[in-house]
C-alpha cells in the first residue's frame, strides 16, 4: 500500500498497492521484484496485430504440457525434415531439450 500503483504479476494485477512479492499457497510459484528503475525516456506504445485461432482450454493446456515436456517442439515442427534441435540460446543463456514436469499456474 506504500506504493499506490495497481501493478503486479499474474492475477495480482489490479490489487491496491504495488505487488513486490507474492507466492501461491504451495510456494510452487514465487514472484519477487528485485529492482525498480525509472525510465530515462518513455517507451513507445506498440500495437501488435496478432491473429488468433480459437481453441478449447483443453487443447491449449495439452499444447502447453507438450511444450514444457519438450521446449523445442515448435522449432522441430517448423524446422523442416532432417533437422534436429537439441539446444538453443535464448537471451544469452543456453536451453537444452530435456523433459521437464509441467506445473500450471492455474488449478484445474
PDB file of N, CA and C in Angstrom:
ATOM      1  N   UNK A   1       0.813  -1.197   0.000  1.00  0.00           N
ATOM      2  CA  UNK A   1       0.000   0.000   0.000  1.00  0.00           C
ATOM      3  C   UNK A   1       0.861   1.267   0.000  1.00  0.00           C
ATOM      4  N   UNK A   2       2.146   1.127   0.358  1.00  0.00           N
ATOM      5  CA  UNK A   2       3.020   2.301   0.374  1.00  0.00           C
ATOM      6  C   UNK A   2       3.259   2.849  -1.033  1.00  0.00           C
ATOM      7  N   UNK A   3       3.159   1.984  -2.024  1.00  0.00           N
ATOM      8  CA  UNK A   3       3.295   2.402  -3.417  1.00  0.00           C
ATOM      9  C   UNK A   3       1.922   2.239  -4.076  1.00  0.00           C
ATOM     10  N   UNK A   4       1.144   3.306  -4.185  1.00  0.00           N
ATOM     11  CA  UNK A   4      -0.256   3.192  -4.645  1.00  0.00           C
ATOM     12  C   UNK A   4      -0.391   2.983  -6.148  1.00  0.00           C
ATOM     13  N   UNK A   5       0.203   1.893  -6.637  1.00  0.00           N
ATOM     14  CA  UNK A   5       0.115   1.530  -8.049  1.00  0.00           C
ATOM     15  C   UNK A   5      -0.539   0.158  -8.152  1.00  0.00           C
ATOM     16  N   UNK A   6      -1.490  -0.042  -9.061  1.00  0.00           N
ATOM     17  CA  UNK A   6      -2.220  -1.308  -9.136  1.00  0.00           C
ATOM     18  C   UNK A   6      -1.529  -2.365  -9.995  1.00  0.00           C
ATOM     19  N   UNK A   7      -0.210  -2.483  -9.887  1.00  0.00           N
ATOM     20  CA  UNK A   7       0.528  -3.399 -10.749  1.00  0.00           C
ATOM     21  C   UNK A   7       1.068  -4.582  -9.969  1.00  0.00           C
ATOM     22  N   UNK A   8       1.206  -5.696 -10.663  1.00  0.00           N
ATOM     23  CA  UNK A   8       1.745  -6.900 -10.062  1.00  0.00           C
ATOM     24  C   UNK A   8       1.692  -8.034 -11.065  1.00  0.00           C
ATOM     25  N   UNK A   9       2.329  -9.153 -10.746  1.00  0.00           N
ATOM     26  CA  UNK A   9       2.357 -10.275 -11.681  1.00  0.00           C
ATOM     27  C   UNK A   9       1.052 -11.058 -11.686  1.00  0.00           C
ATOM     28  N   UNK A  10       0.831 -11.736 -12.803  1.00  0.00           N
ATOM     29  CA  UNK A  10      -0.223 -12.737 -12.942  1.00  0.00           C
ATOM     30  C   UNK A  10      -1.569 -12.151 -12.563  1.00  0.00           C
ATOM     31  N   UNK A  11      -2.354 -12.805 -11.750  1.00  0.00           N
ATOM     32  CA  UNK A  11      -3.696 -12.332 -11.424  1.00  0.00           C
ATOM     33  C   UNK A  11      -3.711 -11.323 -10.276  1.00  0.00           C
ATOM     34  N   UNK A  12      -2.544 -10.933  -9.801  1.00  0.00           N
ATOM     35  CA  UNK A  12      -2.470  -9.971  -8.709  1.00  0.00           C
ATOM     36  C   UNK A  12      -2.461  -8.534  -9.210  1.00  0.00           C
ATOM     37  N   UNK A  13      -2.423  -8.354 -10.519  1.00  0.00           N
ATOM     38  CA  UNK A  13      -2.528  -7.017 -11.098  1.00  0.00           C
ATOM     39  C   UNK A  13      -3.906  -6.459 -10.743  1.00  0.00           C
ATOM     40  N   UNK A  14      -3.942  -5.207 -10.366  1.00  0.00           N
ATOM     41  CA  UNK A  14      -5.214  -4.566 -10.059  1.00  0.00           C
ATOM     42  C   UNK A  14      -5.496  -4.473  -8.563  1.00  0.00           C
ATOM     43  N   UNK A  15      -4.720  -5.172  -7.757  1.00  0.00           N
ATOM     44  CA  UNK A  15      -4.891  -5.052  -6.311  1.00  0.00           C
ATOM     45  C   UNK A  15      -4.370  -3.698  -5.853  1.00  0.00           C
ATOM     46  N   UNK A  16      -4.863  -3.201  -4.727  1.00  0.00           N
ATOM     47  CA  UNK A  16      -4.367  -1.896  -4.267  1.00  0.00           C
ATOM     48  C   UNK A  16      -2.927  -2.002  -3.789  1.00  0.00           C
ATOM     49  N   UNK A  17      -2.078  -1.185  -4.333  1.00  0.00           N
ATOM     50  CA  UNK A  17      -0.669  -1.188  -3.953  1.00  0.00           C
ATOM     51  C   UNK A  17       0.156  -2.057  -4.890  1.00  0.00           C
ATOM     52  N   UNK A  18       1.390  -1.640  -5.115  1.00  0.00           N
ATOM     53  CA  UNK A  18       2.306  -2.365  -5.987  1.00  0.00           C
ATOM     54  C   UNK A  18       2.723  -3.673  -5.326  1.00  0.00           C
ATOM     55  N   UNK A  19       2.542  -4.800  -6.032  1.00  0.00           N
ATOM     56  CA  UNK A  19       2.898  -6.112  -5.504  1.00  0.00           C
ATOM     57  C   UNK A  19       4.389  -6.330  -5.739  1.00  0.00           C
ATOM     58  N   UNK A  20       5.161  -6.402  -4.669  1.00  0.00           N
ATOM     59  CA  UNK A  20       6.601  -6.591  -4.781  1.00  0.00           C
ATOM     60  C   UNK A  20       7.010  -8.034  -4.536  1.00  0.00           C
ATOM     61  N   UNK A  21       6.181  -8.784  -3.783  1.00  0.00           N
ATOM     62  CA  UNK A  21       6.475 -10.192  -3.534  1.00  0.00           C
ATOM     63  C   UNK A  21       5.164 -10.910  -3.244  1.00  0.00           C
ATOM     64  N   UNK A  22       4.983 -12.060  -3.901  1.00  0.00           N
ATOM     65  CA  UNK A  22       3.777 -12.853  -3.689  1.00  0.00           C
ATOM     66  C   UNK A  22       4.069 -14.292  -4.099  1.00  0.00           C
ATOM     67  N   UNK A  23       3.449 -15.241  -3.414  1.00  0.00           N
ATOM     68  CA  UNK A  23       3.620 -16.669  -3.723  1.00  0.00           C
ATOM     69  C   UNK A  23       2.266 -17.349  -3.640  1.00  0.00           C
ATOM     70  N   UNK A  24       2.151 -18.501  -4.325  1.00  0.00           N
ATOM     71  CA  UNK A  24       0.937 -19.288  -4.195  1.00  0.00           C
ATOM     72  C   UNK A  24       0.988 -20.055  -2.870  1.00  0.00           C
ATOM     73  N   UNK A  25      -0.121 -20.666  -2.496  1.00  0.00           N
ATOM     74  CA  UNK A  25      -0.221 -21.317  -1.184  1.00  0.00           C
ATOM     75  C   UNK A  25       0.743 -22.498  -1.016  1.00  0.00           C
ATOM     76  N   UNK A  26       1.171 -23.127  -2.116  1.00  0.00           N
ATOM     77  CA  UNK A  26       2.123 -24.247  -2.045  1.00  0.00           C
ATOM     78  C   UNK A  26       3.566 -23.811  -2.265  1.00  0.00           C
ATOM     79  N   UNK A  27       3.774 -22.531  -2.503  1.00  0.00           N
ATOM     80  CA  UNK A  27       5.093 -21.990  -2.820  1.00  0.00           C
ATOM     81  C   UNK A  27       5.706 -22.617  -4.075  1.00  0.00           C
ATOM     82  N   UNK A  28       4.848 -23.067  -5.000  1.00  0.00           N
ATOM     83  CA  UNK A  28       5.343 -23.552  -6.286  1.00  0.00           C
ATOM     84  C   UNK A  28       5.796 -22.373  -7.147  1.00  0.00           C
ATOM     85  N   UNK A  29       5.121 -21.234  -6.971  1.00  0.00           N
ATOM     86  CA  UNK A  29       5.420 -20.040  -7.748  1.00  0.00           C
ATOM     87  C   UNK A  29       5.673 -18.884  -6.796  1.00  0.00           C
ATOM     88  N   UNK A  30       6.793 -18.220  -6.963  1.00  0.00           N
ATOM     89  CA  UNK A  30       7.156 -17.073  -6.147  1.00  0.00           C
ATOM     90  C   UNK A  30       7.551 -15.937  -7.075  1.00  0.00           C
ATOM     91  N   UNK A  31       6.888 -14.819  -6.956  1.00  0.00           N
ATOM     92  CA  UNK A  31       7.202 -13.636  -7.742  1.00  0.00           C
ATOM     93  C   UNK A  31       7.811 -12.608  -6.794  1.00  0.00           C
ATOM     94  N   UNK A  32       9.011 -12.110  -7.128  1.00  0.00           N
ATOM     95  CA  UNK A  32       9.696 -11.140  -6.292  1.00  0.00           C
ATOM     96  C   UNK A  32      10.264 -10.029  -7.159  1.00  0.00           C
ATOM     97  N   UNK A  33       9.939  -8.790  -6.836  1.00  0.00           N
ATOM     98  CA  UNK A  33      10.550  -7.652  -7.523  1.00  0.00           C
ATOM     99  C   UNK A  33      11.965  -7.508  -6.976  1.00  0.00           C
ATOM    100  N   UNK A  34      12.940  -7.499  -7.852  1.00  0.00           N
ATOM    101  CA  UNK A  34      14.327  -7.390  -7.405  1.00  0.00           C
ATOM    102  C   UNK A  34      14.892  -5.998  -7.643  1.00  0.00           C
ATOM    103  N   UNK A  35      14.229  -5.220  -8.494  1.00  0.00           N
ATOM    104  CA  UNK A  35      14.750  -3.889  -8.786  1.00  0.00           C
ATOM    105  C   UNK A  35      13.650  -3.053  -9.429  1.00  0.00           C
ATOM    106  N   UNK A  36      13.601  -1.794  -9.083  1.00  0.00           N
ATOM    107  CA  UNK A  36      12.660  -0.860  -9.696  1.00  0.00           C
ATOM    108  C   UNK A  36      13.465   0.331 -10.178  1.00  0.00           C
ATOM    109  N   UNK A  37      13.317   0.661 -11.452  1.00  0.00           N
ATOM    110  CA  UNK A  37      14.045   1.786 -12.043  1.00  0.00           C
ATOM    111  C   UNK A  37      13.072   2.719 -12.744  1.00  0.00           C
ATOM    112  N   UNK A  38      13.387   3.983 -12.744  1.00  0.00           N
ATOM    113  CA  UNK A  38      12.621   4.967 -13.513  1.00  0.00           C
ATOM    114  C   UNK A  38      13.269   5.066 -14.892  1.00  0.00           C
ATOM    115  N   UNK A  39      12.452   4.993 -15.941  1.00  0.00           N
ATOM    116  CA  UNK A  39      12.969   5.094 -17.304  1.00  0.00           C
ATOM    117  C   UNK A  39      13.483   6.500 -17.573  1.00  0.00           C
ATOM    118  N   UNK A  40      14.588   6.590 -18.307  1.00  0.00           N
ATOM    119  CA  UNK A  40      15.127   7.900 -18.669  1.00  0.00           C
ATOM    120  C   UNK A  40      14.261   8.556 -19.737  1.00  0.00           C
ATOM    121  N   UNK A  41      13.728   7.721 -20.623  1.00  0.00           N
ATOM    122  CA  UNK A  41      12.842   8.205 -21.683  1.00  0.00           C
ATOM    123  C   UNK A  41      11.630   7.287 -21.744  1.00  0.00           C
ATOM    124  N   UNK A  42      10.466   7.824 -22.064  1.00  0.00           N
ATOM    125  CA  UNK A  42       9.280   6.962 -22.144  1.00  0.00           C
ATOM    126  C   UNK A  42       9.391   5.958 -23.289  1.00  0.00           C
ATOM    127  N   UNK A  43       8.868   4.765 -23.068  1.00  0.00           N
ATOM    128  CA  UNK A  43       8.839   3.759 -24.125  1.00  0.00           C
ATOM    129  C   UNK A  43       7.639   4.005 -25.023  1.00  0.00           C
ATOM    130  N   UNK A  44       7.798   3.809 -26.324  1.00  0.00           N
ATOM    131  CA  UNK A  44       6.649   3.995 -27.215  1.00  0.00           C
ATOM    132  C   UNK A  44       5.625   2.875 -27.008  1.00  0.00           C
ATOM    133  N   UNK A  45       4.377   3.201 -27.213  1.00  0.00           N
ATOM    134  CA  UNK A  45       3.313   2.196 -27.145  1.00  0.00           C
ATOM    135  C   UNK A  45       3.237   1.529 -28.515  1.00  0.00           C
ATOM    136  N   UNK A  46       3.389   0.211 -28.535  1.00  0.00           N
ATOM    137  CA  UNK A  46       3.391  -0.541 -29.782  1.00  0.00           C
ATOM    138  C   UNK A  46       2.108  -1.352 -29.853  1.00  0.00           C
ATOM    139  N   UNK A  47       1.420  -1.242 -30.959  1.00  0.00           N
ATOM    140  CA  UNK A  47       0.199  -2.026 -31.165  1.00  0.00           C
ATOM    141  C   UNK A  47       0.531  -3.181 -32.097  1.00  0.00           C
ATOM    142  N   UNK A  48       0.336  -4.390 -31.592  1.00  0.00           N
ATOM    143  CA  UNK A  48       0.584  -5.582 -32.385  1.00  0.00           C
ATOM    144  C   UNK A  48      -0.719  -6.071 -32.983  1.00  0.00           C
ATOM    145  N   UNK A  49      -0.653  -6.519 -34.204  1.00  0.00           N
ATOM    146  CA  UNK A  49      -1.840  -7.027 -34.883  1.00  0.00           C
ATOM    147  C   UNK A  49      -1.730  -8.546 -34.968  1.00  0.00           C
ATOM    148  N   UNK A  50      -1.974  -9.211 -33.836  1.00  0.00           N
ATOM    149  CA  UNK A  50      -1.926 -10.663 -33.803  1.00  0.00           C
ATOM    150  C   UNK A  50      -3.256 -11.234 -34.267  1.00  0.00           C
ATOM    151  N   UNK A  51      -3.177 -12.327 -34.944  1.00  0.00           N
ATOM    152  CA  UNK A  51      -4.396 -13.033 -35.354  1.00  0.00           C
ATOM    153  C   UNK A  51      -4.396 -14.370 -34.621  1.00  0.00           C
ATOM    154  N   UNK A  52      -5.423 -14.605 -33.868  1.00  0.00           N
ATOM    155  CA  UNK A  52      -5.510 -15.795 -33.039  1.00  0.00           C
ATOM    156  C   UNK A  52      -6.556 -16.758 -33.571  1.00  0.00           C
ATOM    157  N   UNK A  53      -6.327 -18.017 -33.329  1.00  0.00           N
ATOM    158  CA  UNK A  53      -7.300 -19.046 -33.635  1.00  0.00           C
ATOM    159  C   UNK A  53      -7.901 -19.511 -32.317  1.00  0.00           C
ATOM    160  N   UNK A  54      -9.202 -19.554 -32.243  1.00  0.00           N
ATOM    161  CA  UNK A  54      -9.851 -20.007 -31.012  1.00  0.00           C
ATOM    162  C   UNK A  54      -9.609 -21.498 -30.801  1.00  0.00           C
ATOM    163  N   UNK A  55      -9.249 -21.859 -29.572  1.00  0.00           N
ATOM    164  CA  UNK A  55      -9.088 -23.261 -29.195  1.00  0.00           C
ATOM    165  C   UNK A  55      -9.745 -23.458 -27.838  1.00  0.00           C
ATOM    166  N   UNK A  56     -10.018 -24.701 -27.526  1.00  0.00           N
ATOM    167  CA  UNK A  56     -10.597 -25.000 -26.220  1.00  0.00           C
ATOM    168  C   UNK A  56      -9.498 -24.920 -25.156  1.00  0.00           C
ATOM    169  N   UNK A  57      -9.912 -24.786 -23.907  1.00  0.00           N
ATOM    170  CA  UNK A  57      -8.948 -24.754 -22.808  1.00  0.00           C
ATOM    171  C   UNK A  57      -8.147 -26.060 -22.767  1.00  0.00           C
ATOM    172  N   UNK A  58      -8.827 -27.191 -23.045  1.00  0.00           N
ATOM    173  CA  UNK A  58      -8.158 -28.487 -23.034  1.00  0.00           C
ATOM    174  C   UNK A  58      -7.043 -28.535 -24.081  1.00  0.00           C
ATOM    175  N   UNK A  59      -7.334 -28.069 -25.305  1.00  0.00           N
ATOM    176  CA  UNK A  59      -6.315 -28.069 -26.363  1.00  0.00           C
ATOM    177  C   UNK A  59      -5.147 -27.158 -26.001  1.00  0.00           C
ATOM    178  N   UNK A  60      -5.449 -26.008 -25.428  1.00  0.00           N
ATOM    179  CA  UNK A  60      -4.385 -25.080 -25.023  1.00  0.00           C
ATOM    180  C   UNK A  60      -3.516 -25.711 -23.934  1.00  0.00           C
ATOM    181  N   UNK A  61      -4.139 -26.320 -22.930  1.00  0.00           N
ATOM    182  CA  UNK A  61      -3.377 -26.958 -21.854  1.00  0.00           C
ATOM    183  C   UNK A  61      -2.561 -28.135 -22.361  1.00  0.00           C
ATOM    184  N   UNK A  62      -3.119 -28.917 -23.288  1.00  0.00           N
ATOM    185  CA  UNK A  62      -2.375 -30.031 -23.876  1.00  0.00           C
ATOM    186  C   UNK A  62      -1.134 -29.524 -24.600  1.00  0.00           C
ATOM    187  N   UNK A  63      -1.288 -28.426 -25.349  1.00  0.00           N
ATOM    188  CA  UNK A  63      -0.146 -27.849 -26.059  1.00  0.00           C
ATOM    189  C   UNK A  63       0.917 -27.369 -25.072  1.00  0.00           C
ATOM    190  N   UNK A  64       0.503 -26.690 -24.013  1.00  0.00           N
ATOM    191  CA  UNK A  64       1.459 -26.179 -23.020  1.00  0.00           C
ATOM    192  C   UNK A  64       2.207 -27.334 -22.370  1.00  0.00           C
ATOM    193  N   UNK A  65       1.499 -28.414 -22.041  1.00  0.00           N
ATOM    194  CA  UNK A  65       2.160 -29.578 -21.441  1.00  0.00           C
ATOM    195  C   UNK A  65       3.196 -30.170 -22.390  1.00  0.00           C
ATOM    196  N   UNK A  66       2.853 -30.260 -23.677  1.00  0.00           N
ATOM    197  CA  UNK A  66       3.809 -30.777 -24.662  1.00  0.00           C
ATOM    198  C   UNK A  66       5.011 -29.854 -24.780  1.00  0.00           C
ATOM    199  N   UNK A  67       4.770 -28.547 -24.766  1.00  0.00           N
ATOM    200  CA  UNK A  67       5.863 -27.586 -24.876  1.00  0.00           C
ATOM    201  C   UNK A  67       6.789 -27.653 -23.662  1.00  0.00           C
ATOM    202  N   UNK A  68       6.230 -27.771 -22.468  1.00  0.00           N
ATOM    203  CA  UNK A  68       7.045 -27.863 -21.257  1.00  0.00           C
ATOM    204  C   UNK A  68       7.870 -29.152 -21.279  1.00  0.00           C
ATOM    205  N   UNK A  69       7.265 -30.251 -21.717  1.00  0.00           N
ATOM    206  CA  UNK A  69       7.977 -31.529 -21.787  1.00  0.00           C
ATOM    207  C   UNK A  69       9.108 -31.472 -22.804  1.00  0.00           C
ATOM    208  N   UNK A  70       8.916 -30.737 -23.895  1.00  0.00           N
ATOM    209  CA  UNK A  70       9.930 -30.615 -24.942  1.00  0.00           C
ATOM    210  C   UNK A  70       9.883 -29.191 -25.488  1.00  0.00           C
ATOM    211  N   UNK A  71      10.712 -28.269 -24.945  1.00  0.00           N
ATOM    212  CA  UNK A  71      10.635 -26.867 -25.342  1.00  0.00           C
ATOM    213  C   UNK A  71      10.976 -26.605 -26.811  1.00  0.00           C
ATOM    214  N   UNK A  72      11.491 -27.599 -27.500  1.00  0.00           N
ATOM    215  CA  UNK A  72      11.857 -27.418 -28.897  1.00  0.00           C
ATOM    216  C   UNK A  72      10.789 -27.936 -29.855  1.00  0.00           C
ATOM    217  N   UNK A  73       9.617 -28.264 -29.316  1.00  0.00           N
ATOM    218  CA  UNK A  73       8.565 -28.839 -30.146  1.00  0.00           C
ATOM    219  C   UNK A  73       8.201 -27.894 -31.305  1.00  0.00           C
ATOM    220  N   UNK A  74       8.168 -26.585 -31.049  1.00  0.00           N
ATOM    221  CA  UNK A  74       7.849 -25.639 -32.121  1.00  0.00           C
ATOM    222  C   UNK A  74       8.974 -25.569 -33.146  1.00  0.00           C
ATOM    223  N   UNK A  75      10.212 -25.545 -32.674  1.00  0.00           N
ATOM    224  CA  UNK A  75      11.341 -25.488 -33.595  1.00  0.00           C
ATOM    225  C   UNK A  75      11.387 -26.737 -34.453  1.00  0.00           C
ATOM    226  N   UNK A  76      11.106 -27.875 -33.827  1.00  0.00           N
ATOM    227  CA  UNK A  76      11.118 -29.133 -34.578  1.00  0.00           C
ATOM    228  C   UNK A  76      10.007 -29.158 -35.619  1.00  0.00           C
ATOM    229  N   UNK A  77       8.841 -28.611 -35.259  1.00  0.00           N
ATOM    230  CA  UNK A  77       7.701 -28.644 -36.165  1.00  0.00           C
ATOM    231  C   UNK A  77       7.909 -27.720 -37.365  1.00  0.00           C
ATOM    232  N   UNK A  78       8.628 -26.620 -37.175  1.00  0.00           N
ATOM    233  CA  UNK A  78       8.787 -25.653 -38.260  1.00  0.00           C
ATOM    234  C   UNK A  78      10.138 -25.724 -38.954  1.00  0.00           C
ATOM    235  N   UNK A  79      11.036 -26.529 -38.437  1.00  0.00           N
ATOM    236  CA  UNK A  79      12.391 -26.557 -38.981  1.00  0.00           C
ATOM    237  C   UNK A  79      12.481 -27.297 -40.310  1.00  0.00           C
ATOM    238  N   UNK A  80      11.567 -28.167 -40.593  1.00  0.00           N
ATOM    239  CA  UNK A  80      11.648 -28.955 -41.819  1.00  0.00           C
ATOM    240  C   UNK A  80      12.263 -30.309 -41.539  1.00  0.00           C
ATOM    241  N   UNK A  81      12.195 -31.171 -42.491  1.00  0.00           N
ATOM    242  CA  UNK A  81      12.685 -32.532 -42.268  1.00  0.00           C
ATOM    243  C   UNK A  81      14.208 -32.583 -42.227  1.00  0.00           C
ATOM    244  N   UNK A  82      14.720 -33.527 -41.437  1.00  0.00           N
ATOM    245  CA  UNK A  82      16.147 -33.754 -41.366  1.00  0.00           C
ATOM    246  C   UNK A  82      16.899 -32.888 -40.378  1.00  0.00           C
ATOM    247  N   UNK A  83      16.214 -31.981 -39.691  1.00  0.00           N
ATOM    248  CA  UNK A  83      16.883 -31.104 -38.739  1.00  0.00           C
ATOM    249  C   UNK A  83      16.468 -31.466 -37.325  1.00  0.00           C
ATOM    250  N   UNK A  84      17.441 -31.666 -36.463  1.00  0.00           N
ATOM    251  CA  UNK A  84      17.148 -31.981 -35.075  1.00  0.00           C
ATOM    252  C   UNK A  84      17.715 -30.877 -34.191  1.00  0.00           C
ATOM    253  N   UNK A  85      16.860 -30.256 -33.390  1.00  0.00           N
ATOM    254  CA  UNK A  85      17.278 -29.178 -32.498  1.00  0.00           C
ATOM    255  C   UNK A  85      17.482 -29.767 -31.109  1.00  0.00           C
ATOM    256  N   UNK A  86      18.689 -29.626 -30.573  1.00  0.00           N
ATOM    257  CA  UNK A  86      18.980 -30.151 -29.236  1.00  0.00           C
ATOM    258  C   UNK A  86      19.282 -29.042 -28.243  1.00  0.00           C
ATOM    259  N   UNK A  87      19.621 -27.863 -28.737  1.00  0.00           N
ATOM    260  CA  UNK A  87      19.972 -26.776 -27.841  1.00  0.00           C
ATOM    261  C   UNK A  87      19.708 -25.448 -28.537  1.00  0.00           C
ATOM    262  N   UNK A  88      19.213 -24.454 -27.780  1.00  0.00           N
ATOM    263  CA  UNK A  88      19.001 -23.108 -28.296  1.00  0.00           C
ATOM    264  C   UNK A  88      19.586 -22.122 -27.301  1.00  0.00           C
ATOM    265  N   UNK A  89      19.942 -20.953 -27.781  1.00  0.00           N
ATOM    266  CA  UNK A  89      20.402 -19.876 -26.910  1.00  0.00           C
ATOM    267  C   UNK A  89      19.318 -18.814 -26.905  1.00  0.00           C
ATOM    268  N   UNK A  90      18.808 -18.519 -25.713  1.00  0.00           N
ATOM    269  CA  UNK A  90      17.748 -17.522 -25.548  1.00  0.00           C
ATOM    270  C   UNK A  90      18.232 -16.497 -24.543  1.00  0.00           C
ATOM    271  N   UNK A  91      18.311 -15.244 -24.954  1.00  0.00           N
ATOM    272  CA  UNK A  91      18.729 -14.181 -24.049  1.00  0.00           C
ATOM    273  C   UNK A  91      20.106 -14.391 -23.449  1.00  0.00           C
ATOM    274  N   UNK A  92      21.016 -14.988 -24.209  1.00  0.00           N
ATOM    275  CA  UNK A  92      22.368 -15.200 -23.721  1.00  0.00           C
ATOM    276  C   UNK A  92      22.544 -16.486 -22.935  1.00  0.00           C
ATOM    277  N   UNK A  93      21.437 -17.147 -22.584  1.00  0.00           N
ATOM    278  CA  UNK A  93      21.530 -18.404 -21.841  1.00  0.00           C
ATOM    279  C   UNK A  93      21.209 -19.581 -22.738  1.00  0.00           C
ATOM    280  N   UNK A  94      21.794 -20.705 -22.440  1.00  0.00           N
ATOM    281  CA  UNK A  94      21.596 -21.905 -23.238  1.00  0.00           C
ATOM    282  C   UNK A  94      20.458 -22.742 -22.655  1.00  0.00           C
ATOM    283  N   UNK A  95      19.569 -23.186 -23.502  1.00  0.00           N
ATOM    284  CA  UNK A  95      18.445 -24.024 -23.089  1.00  0.00           C
ATOM    285  C   UNK A  95      18.566 -25.349 -23.813  1.00  0.00           C
ATOM    286  N   UNK A  96      18.586 -26.444 -23.066  1.00  0.00           N
ATOM    287  CA  UNK A  96      18.704 -27.763 -23.677  1.00  0.00           C
ATOM    288  C   UNK A  96      17.352 -28.445 -23.704  1.00  0.00           C
ATOM    289  N   UNK A  97      17.177 -29.320 -24.674  1.00  0.00           N
ATOM    290  CA  UNK A  97      15.937 -30.070 -24.811  1.00  0.00           C
ATOM    291  C   UNK A  97      15.950 -31.241 -23.844  1.00  0.00           C
ATOM    292  N   UNK A  98      15.426 -31.013 -22.665  1.00  0.00           N
ATOM    293  CA  UNK A  98      15.339 -32.057 -21.647  1.00  0.00           C
ATOM    294  C   UNK A  98      13.911 -32.078 -21.108  1.00  0.00           C
ATOM    295  N   UNK A  99      13.354 -33.252 -20.881  1.00  0.00           N
ATOM    296  CA  UNK A  99      11.990 -33.322 -20.347  1.00  0.00           C
ATOM    297  C   UNK A  99      11.886 -32.630 -18.990  1.00  0.00           C
ATOM    298  N   UNK A 100      10.804 -31.901 -18.807  1.00  0.00           N
ATOM    299  CA  UNK A 100      10.536 -31.225 -17.538  1.00  0.00           C
ATOM    300  C   UNK A 100       9.103 -31.510 -17.128  1.00  0.00           C
ATOM    301  N   UNK A 101       8.836 -31.381 -15.862  1.00  0.00           N
ATOM    302  CA  UNK A 101       7.482 -31.605 -15.356  1.00  0.00           C
ATOM    303  C   UNK A 101       6.658 -30.337 -15.546  1.00  0.00           C
ATOM    304  N   UNK A 102       5.414 -30.511 -15.957  1.00  0.00           N
ATOM    305  CA  UNK A 102       4.511 -29.367 -16.139  1.00  0.00           C
ATOM    306  C   UNK A 102       3.753 -29.109 -14.848  1.00  0.00           C
ATOM    307  N   UNK A 103       3.896 -27.904 -14.333  1.00  0.00           N
ATOM    308  CA  UNK A 103       3.107 -27.445 -13.192  1.00  0.00           C
ATOM    309  C   UNK A 103       2.444 -26.157 -13.627  1.00  0.00           C
ATOM    310  N   UNK A 104       1.150 -26.170 -13.849  1.00  0.00           N
ATOM    311  CA  UNK A 104       0.441 -24.992 -14.322  1.00  0.00           C
ATOM    312  C   UNK A 104       0.194 -23.989 -13.210  1.00  0.00           C
ATOM    313  N   UNK A 105       0.096 -22.714 -13.593  1.00  0.00           N
ATOM    314  CA  UNK A 105      -0.206 -21.679 -12.616  1.00  0.00           C
ATOM    315  C   UNK A 105      -1.627 -21.821 -12.066  1.00  0.00           C
ATOM    316  N   UNK A 106      -2.545 -22.175 -12.927  1.00  0.00           N
ATOM    317  CA  UNK A 106      -3.945 -22.281 -12.512  1.00  0.00           C
ATOM    318  C   UNK A 106      -4.277 -23.713 -12.122  1.00  0.00           C
ATOM    319  N   UNK A 107      -5.034 -23.848 -11.057  1.00  0.00           N
ATOM    320  CA  UNK A 107      -5.507 -25.183 -10.661  1.00  0.00           C
ATOM    321  C   UNK A 107      -6.672 -25.565 -11.562  1.00  0.00           C
ATOM    322  N   UNK A 108      -6.714 -26.800 -11.965  1.00  0.00           N
ATOM    323  CA  UNK A 108      -7.805 -27.270 -12.833  1.00  0.00           C
ATOM    324  C   UNK A 108      -8.930 -27.809 -11.998  1.00  0.00           C
TER     325      UNK A 108
END
